[in-house]
Amino acid sequence: MTIVRLGYVAMSMELKNASPSQKMTFTQFNKITDREAAIRKLERIALSNLHNTLRLLKHNVASDIHFYRLTSHLIPLANHEELLDWKYMKPLKEPLREIGDFAKKQKIRIDFHPDHFVLINSKEKHILKNSIRTLKLHYLLLKAMRIDPTHRCVMHVGGNYKDTEMSLERFVDNWMDVPKVIQKMIMLENDDTSFTLEDTLYLCEKLDIPLVFDYHHHLAHHQDPNWEINWGRVVQTWKHSPLPIKMHISSPKSDEAFRHHSDYIDIDMFFRFLKGISGSVPQIDCMIEAKRKDEALFKLMEEVKVRKDVEIIDGSSFYLK
């Protein structure tokens, strides 16, 4: 039997006043005439974000949730070109370690998904440089948490630039500029407009990168609708990973807005996927990308519990029979 574990992204709809993504824009930063005072305010916001992250992890433990995506906005303006002299890790060392220690003790799988502006296959050298800098921030956060960074950061292939083949090869070329420790951190996912499952598999197999299969994206953008024929290849991309295979699950907002995420998960759509992979892997961790975050997870589990083809393990996990 295959174990299915559900996770959610960053924010809780149940835990109040617990945003881990509180922000400060550079315009707001500049309005504070005392630069040191402005930096101290940035640090207070970051500390609040980390405090709320730990609260969210405790909420997850209380709810039997073992899989969680950290926000990439824990430290506002961390990589801004006007603040590169800011030693932001020093005041955050202890709360980052506390988060990591708690996650490890409670066996919570945590990872990141940087924003869309991280483009390894960019034509512009400065964009590639900034992308690597952003990935380095994620690496340093994981190291400060004392979490093994291996396969903890999922990202898209990047821009298509109206030439899929050239864009894929540019990714391969630019990959050589990415430090090895950061390469080991990366997972790639197929997207809904530019790079199909087959495109992404090409890179993952060539560069030994795990592929995070996004089922909704595949339905929106594919070469062959029959994803099952490539499932074995997807599984093989995880053969060197210390972590269970991971996928993304979301549902279309509507037929007209098919690419947009719905508030909740369509259980019939989800189980069409699960029936296709049942027994092929011992465990699969499914990251829910839904507008209602943990509420969508709880609703989905309530619907799963009445099915005859599963055996419930706890509040977010079950066996496929």
Protein backbone atom coordinates (compact mmCIF):
# COMPACT_ATOMS: atom_id res chain seq x y z
CA MET A 1 0.00 0.00 0.00
CA THR A 2 1.05 3.59 -0.62
CA ILE A 3 1.09 6.14 2.22
CA VAL A 4 -0.29 9.55 1.20
CA ARG A 5 0.64 12.58 3.35
CA LEU A 6 -0.95 15.98 2.83
CA GLY A 7 0.67 19.36 3.43
CA TYR A 8 -0.20 23.01 2.89
CA VAL A 9 1.49 26.29 2.00
CA ALA A 10 2.74 28.93 4.45
CA MET A 11 -0.47 30.44 5.92
CA SER A 12 -3.12 29.02 8.24
CA MET A 13 -6.77 30.00 7.91
CA GLU A 14 -7.40 28.81 11.48
CA LEU A 15 -4.51 30.33 13.40
CA LYS A 16 -5.20 34.05 13.81
CA ASN A 17 -2.63 36.87 13.62
CA ALA A 18 0.06 34.41 12.57
CA SER A 19 1.34 35.65 9.23
CA PRO A 20 4.92 34.50 8.56
CA SER A 21 5.11 36.89 5.59
CA GLN A 22 4.85 40.36 7.10
CA LYS A 23 6.59 42.81 4.78
CA MET A 24 8.37 46.10 4.56
CA THR A 25 8.89 47.72 1.17
CA PHE A 26 12.07 49.57 0.26
CA THR A 27 9.99 52.75 -0.06
CA GLN A 28 8.87 52.30 3.55
CA PHE A 29 12.45 51.55 4.56
CA ASN A 30 13.68 54.77 2.95
CA LYS A 31 11.10 56.88 4.78
CA ILE A 32 12.92 56.13 8.04
CA THR A 33 15.73 58.68 8.09
CA ASP A 34 17.88 56.75 10.57
CA ARG A 35 19.19 53.78 8.54
CA GLU A 36 20.13 51.76 11.62
CA ALA A 37 16.66 52.27 13.05
CA ALA A 38 15.18 51.12 9.74
CA ILE A 39 17.32 47.96 9.82
CA ARG A 40 16.27 47.26 13.40
CA LYS A 41 12.63 47.50 12.26
CA LEU A 42 13.34 45.02 9.47
CA GLU A 43 14.83 42.68 12.04
CA ARG A 44 11.77 43.00 14.29
CA ILE A 45 9.51 42.09 11.36
CA ALA A 46 11.71 39.09 10.52
CA LEU A 47 11.68 37.96 14.17
CA SER A 48 7.88 38.23 14.19
CA ASN A 49 7.70 36.14 11.00
CA LEU A 50 9.89 33.47 12.58
CA HIS A 51 7.85 33.52 15.78
CA ASN A 52 4.69 32.96 13.73
CA THR A 53 6.38 30.20 11.74
CA LEU A 54 7.05 28.31 14.98
CA ARG A 55 3.41 28.88 16.01
CA LEU A 56 2.33 27.41 12.66
CA LEU A 57 4.52 24.37 13.14
CA LYS A 58 2.99 23.81 16.58
CA HIS A 59 -0.47 24.15 15.01
CA ASN A 60 0.58 21.53 12.46
CA VAL A 61 1.68 19.11 15.18
CA ALA A 62 -1.63 19.57 17.00
CA SER A 63 -3.42 18.82 13.71
CA ASP A 64 -1.27 15.78 12.73
CA ILE A 65 0.20 17.64 9.73
CA HIS A 66 3.72 16.46 8.84
CA PHE A 67 4.40 18.43 5.64
CA TYR A 68 4.63 22.22 5.37
CA ARG A 69 5.98 24.79 2.92
CA LEU A 70 7.77 27.72 4.49
CA THR A 71 7.17 31.14 3.01
CA SER A 72 10.06 32.65 1.04
CA HIS A 73 9.26 36.03 2.64
CA LEU A 74 10.55 35.34 6.14
CA ILE A 75 13.12 38.16 5.94
CA PRO A 76 11.88 41.26 4.10
CA LEU A 77 14.39 42.98 1.79
CA ALA A 78 17.05 40.37 2.63
CA ASN A 79 18.50 40.46 -0.88
CA HIS A 80 17.76 44.05 -1.87
CA GLU A 81 20.72 45.56 -3.71
CA GLU A 82 20.79 48.55 -1.33
CA LEU A 83 20.96 46.29 1.73
CA LEU A 84 23.62 43.76 0.81
CA ASP A 85 25.72 44.93 3.78
CA TRP A 86 22.96 43.92 6.22
CA LYS A 87 24.07 40.91 8.29
CA TYR A 88 20.53 39.67 8.79
CA MET A 89 21.38 36.13 9.93
CA LYS A 90 23.06 37.16 13.20
CA PRO A 91 19.96 38.40 15.10
CA LEU A 92 17.86 35.55 13.67
CA LYS A 93 20.20 32.70 14.57
CA GLU A 94 18.37 31.44 17.68
CA PRO A 95 14.77 31.52 16.36
CA LEU A 96 15.88 29.83 13.12
CA ARG A 97 17.57 27.09 15.11
CA GLU A 98 14.46 26.71 17.28
CA ILE A 99 12.29 26.26 14.16
CA GLY A 100 14.63 23.67 12.70
CA ASP A 101 15.02 21.75 15.95
CA PHE A 102 11.25 21.65 16.44
CA ALA A 103 10.63 20.48 12.85
CA LYS A 104 13.21 17.72 13.20
CA LYS A 105 11.97 16.59 16.60
CA GLN A 106 8.37 16.43 15.34
CA LYS A 107 9.43 14.88 12.00
CA ILE A 108 7.83 17.64 9.92
CA ARG A 109 9.02 17.83 6.31
CA ILE A 110 9.58 21.49 5.46
CA ASP A 111 10.67 23.09 2.22
CA PHE A 112 10.55 26.28 0.12
CA HIS A 113 9.21 27.44 -3.24
CA PRO A 114 10.95 30.68 -4.32
CA ASP A 115 9.02 33.27 -6.34
CA HIS A 116 8.66 33.17 -10.12
CA PHE A 117 11.42 35.77 -10.63
CA VAL A 118 14.05 33.10 -9.83
CA LEU A 119 15.09 32.24 -13.38
CA ILE A 120 18.04 29.92 -13.86
CA ASN A 121 17.52 29.93 -17.64
CA SER A 122 17.41 33.72 -18.00
CA LYS A 123 19.14 35.35 -20.96
CA GLU A 124 20.28 38.17 -18.67
CA LYS A 125 23.37 37.61 -16.54
CA HIS A 126 22.19 39.97 -13.79
CA ILE A 127 18.91 38.06 -13.46
CA LEU A 128 20.81 34.78 -13.19
CA LYS A 129 23.08 36.35 -10.57
CA ASN A 130 20.10 37.63 -8.55
CA SER A 131 18.40 34.25 -8.86
CA ILE A 132 21.43 32.45 -7.44
CA ARG A 133 21.58 35.03 -4.63
CA THR A 134 17.93 34.32 -3.77
CA LEU A 135 18.55 30.57 -3.80
CA LYS A 136 21.56 31.12 -1.54
CA LEU A 137 19.27 32.90 0.95
CA HIS A 138 17.06 29.80 1.08
CA TYR A 139 20.14 27.62 1.54
CA LEU A 140 21.41 29.79 4.41
CA LEU A 141 18.00 29.70 6.11
CA LEU A 142 17.94 25.91 5.98
CA LYS A 143 21.52 25.70 7.26
CA ALA A 144 20.67 28.08 10.11
CA MET A 145 17.76 25.79 10.96
CA ARG A 146 20.20 22.86 10.88
CA ILE A 147 18.00 21.20 8.26
CA ASP A 148 19.74 19.21 5.51
CA PRO A 149 19.12 21.43 2.43
CA THR A 150 19.04 18.47 0.02
CA HIS A 151 15.90 18.69 -2.14
CA ARG A 152 14.19 21.34 -0.02
CA CYS A 153 13.59 23.99 -2.68
CA VAL A 154 11.18 23.49 -5.60
CA MET A 155 11.20 25.86 -8.55
CA HIS A 156 9.99 26.21 -12.11
CA VAL A 157 12.27 25.80 -15.12
CA GLY A 158 11.90 29.51 -15.94
CA GLY A 159 11.08 31.56 -19.01
CA ASN A 160 10.21 30.01 -22.35
CA TYR A 161 11.27 33.02 -24.46
CA LYS A 162 9.24 31.58 -27.37
CA ASP A 163 11.79 28.80 -27.91
CA THR A 164 11.38 25.78 -25.67
CA GLU A 165 14.44 23.86 -26.86
CA MET A 166 16.82 26.81 -26.57
CA SER A 167 15.37 27.71 -23.15
CA LEU A 168 15.95 24.16 -21.89
CA GLU A 169 19.54 24.16 -23.14
CA ARG A 170 20.15 27.58 -21.58
CA PHE A 171 19.03 26.10 -18.26
CA VAL A 172 21.64 23.35 -18.70
CA ASP A 173 24.34 25.89 -19.53
CA ASN A 174 23.44 28.24 -16.65
CA TRP A 175 23.15 25.32 -14.22
CA MET A 176 26.94 25.09 -14.35
CA ASP A 177 27.09 28.55 -12.72
CA VAL A 178 24.98 27.41 -9.76
CA PRO A 179 27.12 26.32 -6.78
CA LYS A 180 27.01 22.57 -6.12
CA VAL A 181 25.50 22.93 -2.64
CA ILE A 182 22.61 24.92 -4.12
CA GLN A 183 22.20 22.49 -7.02
CA LYS A 184 21.60 19.72 -4.46
CA MET A 185 18.84 21.80 -2.87
CA ILE A 186 16.74 22.09 -6.05
CA MET A 187 13.68 20.22 -7.28
CA LEU A 188 11.90 21.15 -10.53
CA GLU A 189 8.19 21.15 -11.31
CA ASN A 190 6.32 21.16 -14.62
CA ASP A 191 4.33 24.35 -15.15
CA ASP A 192 1.02 25.30 -16.73
CA THR A 193 2.17 27.46 -19.66
CA SER A 194 5.80 26.91 -20.67
CA PHE A 195 7.41 23.58 -19.77
CA THR A 196 5.47 20.32 -19.85
CA LEU A 197 6.11 17.15 -17.88
CA GLU A 198 8.23 15.83 -20.76
CA ASP A 199 10.25 19.07 -20.98
CA THR A 200 10.93 19.07 -17.25
CA LEU A 201 11.81 15.38 -17.24
CA TYR A 202 14.46 16.10 -19.87
CA LEU A 203 16.24 18.45 -17.46
CA CYS A 204 15.69 16.33 -14.37
CA GLU A 205 17.12 13.22 -16.01
CA LYS A 206 20.03 15.10 -17.59
CA LEU A 207 21.01 16.98 -14.42
CA ASP A 208 19.91 14.48 -11.74
CA ILE A 209 17.20 16.71 -10.24
CA PRO A 210 14.01 15.33 -8.62
CA LEU A 211 10.80 16.21 -10.45
CA VAL A 212 7.81 17.45 -8.45
CA PHE A 213 4.82 16.47 -10.56
CA ASP A 214 2.08 19.09 -10.61
CA TYR A 215 -1.05 17.26 -11.75
CA HIS A 216 -3.15 20.41 -12.25
CA HIS A 217 -0.38 22.03 -14.32
CA HIS A 218 -0.16 18.89 -16.44
CA LEU A 219 -3.89 18.97 -17.18
CA ALA A 220 -3.53 22.62 -18.21
CA HIS A 221 -0.40 22.18 -20.36
CA HIS A 222 0.78 18.89 -21.82
CA GLN A 223 2.12 17.16 -24.89
CA ASP A 224 0.55 13.81 -24.06
CA PRO A 225 -2.44 13.80 -21.67
CA ASN A 226 -1.48 10.29 -20.58
CA TRP A 227 0.89 11.23 -17.75
CA GLU A 228 0.94 7.63 -16.46
CA ILE A 229 3.34 6.54 -19.20
CA ASN A 230 5.98 8.86 -17.70
CA TRP A 231 5.27 8.18 -14.03
CA GLY A 232 8.03 5.60 -13.76
CA ARG A 233 10.51 8.19 -15.06
CA VAL A 234 9.28 10.71 -12.50
CA VAL A 235 9.81 8.17 -9.70
CA GLN A 236 13.34 7.46 -10.96
CA THR A 237 14.33 11.13 -10.61
CA TRP A 238 13.95 10.64 -6.84
CA LYS A 239 16.25 7.62 -6.62
CA HIS A 240 19.09 9.62 -5.01
CA SER A 241 16.90 11.67 -2.68
CA PRO A 242 16.74 11.16 1.10
CA LEU A 243 13.10 12.32 1.00
CA PRO A 244 9.89 10.64 -0.19
CA ILE A 245 8.60 11.59 -3.62
CA LYS A 246 6.65 14.85 -3.64
CA MET A 247 3.87 16.21 -5.86
CA HIS A 248 1.60 19.26 -6.01
CA ILE A 249 -2.16 19.04 -5.97
CA SER A 250 -4.58 21.84 -6.77
CA SER A 251 -7.90 22.16 -8.59
CA PRO A 252 -9.09 24.59 -11.29
CA LYS A 253 -11.08 27.60 -10.13
CA SER A 254 -13.48 27.04 -13.06
CA ASP A 255 -13.52 25.79 -16.63
CA GLU A 256 -12.99 29.36 -17.82
CA ALA A 257 -10.20 30.06 -15.30
CA PHE A 258 -8.71 26.56 -15.46
CA ARG A 259 -5.16 27.57 -14.56
CA HIS A 260 -6.19 29.46 -11.42
CA HIS A 261 -6.26 27.59 -8.11
CA SER A 262 -9.55 26.88 -6.42
CA ASP A 263 -10.26 27.48 -2.73
CA TYR A 264 -10.41 23.74 -2.10
CA ILE A 265 -9.40 20.41 -3.64
CA ASP A 266 -11.65 18.42 -5.97
CA ILE A 267 -11.43 14.99 -4.34
CA ASP A 268 -12.49 13.15 -7.50
CA MET A 269 -9.69 14.82 -9.47
CA PHE A 270 -7.20 14.02 -6.70
CA PHE A 271 -8.16 10.35 -6.54
CA ARG A 272 -7.94 9.99 -10.31
CA PHE A 273 -4.28 10.79 -9.84
CA LEU A 274 -3.87 8.58 -6.77
CA LYS A 275 -5.45 5.58 -8.52
CA GLY A 276 -2.81 5.98 -11.23
CA ILE A 277 0.13 5.81 -8.82
CA SER A 278 -1.22 3.46 -6.13
CA GLY A 279 1.39 0.88 -5.18
CA SER A 280 4.12 2.43 -7.36
CA VAL A 281 5.84 4.15 -4.40
CA PRO A 282 5.83 3.41 -0.66
CA GLN A 283 4.96 7.03 0.19
CA ILE A 284 4.02 10.24 -1.58
CA ASP A 285 3.86 13.69 0.02
CA CYS A 286 1.20 15.87 -1.60
CA MET A 287 1.47 19.64 -1.22
CA ILE A 288 -1.96 21.26 -1.42
CA GLU A 289 -1.88 24.53 -3.34
CA ALA A 290 -5.35 25.88 -2.56
CA LYS A 291 -6.54 29.35 -1.58
CA ARG A 292 -7.92 28.13 1.75
CA LYS A 293 -4.57 26.62 2.85
CA ASP A 294 -4.90 24.32 5.89
CA GLU A 295 -8.69 24.64 5.77
CA ALA A 296 -8.56 22.97 2.34
CA LEU A 297 -6.49 20.15 3.85
CA PHE A 298 -8.97 19.61 6.69
CA LYS A 299 -11.93 19.62 4.28
CA LEU A 300 -10.21 17.15 1.97
CA MET A 301 -9.43 14.80 4.86
CA GLU A 302 -13.08 14.86 5.98
CA GLU A 303 -14.04 13.72 2.49
CA VAL A 304 -11.27 11.10 2.39
CA LYS A 305 -12.40 9.57 5.71
CA VAL A 306 -15.71 8.31 4.25
CA ARG A 307 -14.08 6.50 1.32
CA LYS A 308 -13.83 2.71 1.23
CA ASP A 309 -10.54 2.62 -0.71
CA VAL A 310 -8.39 4.17 2.04
CA GLU A 311 -7.22 3.44 5.56
CA ILE A 312 -6.83 6.54 7.71
CA ILE A 313 -3.54 6.95 9.60
CA ASP A 314 -4.07 10.35 11.25
CA GLY A 315 -5.33 13.87 10.56
CA SER A 316 -3.40 14.32 7.31
CA SER A 317 -2.26 10.85 6.24
CA PHE A 318 -3.83 7.68 4.88
CA TYR A 319 -3.06 4.43 3.11
CA LEU A 320 -4.29 3.77 -0.42
CA LYS A 321 -5.74 0.26 -0.42
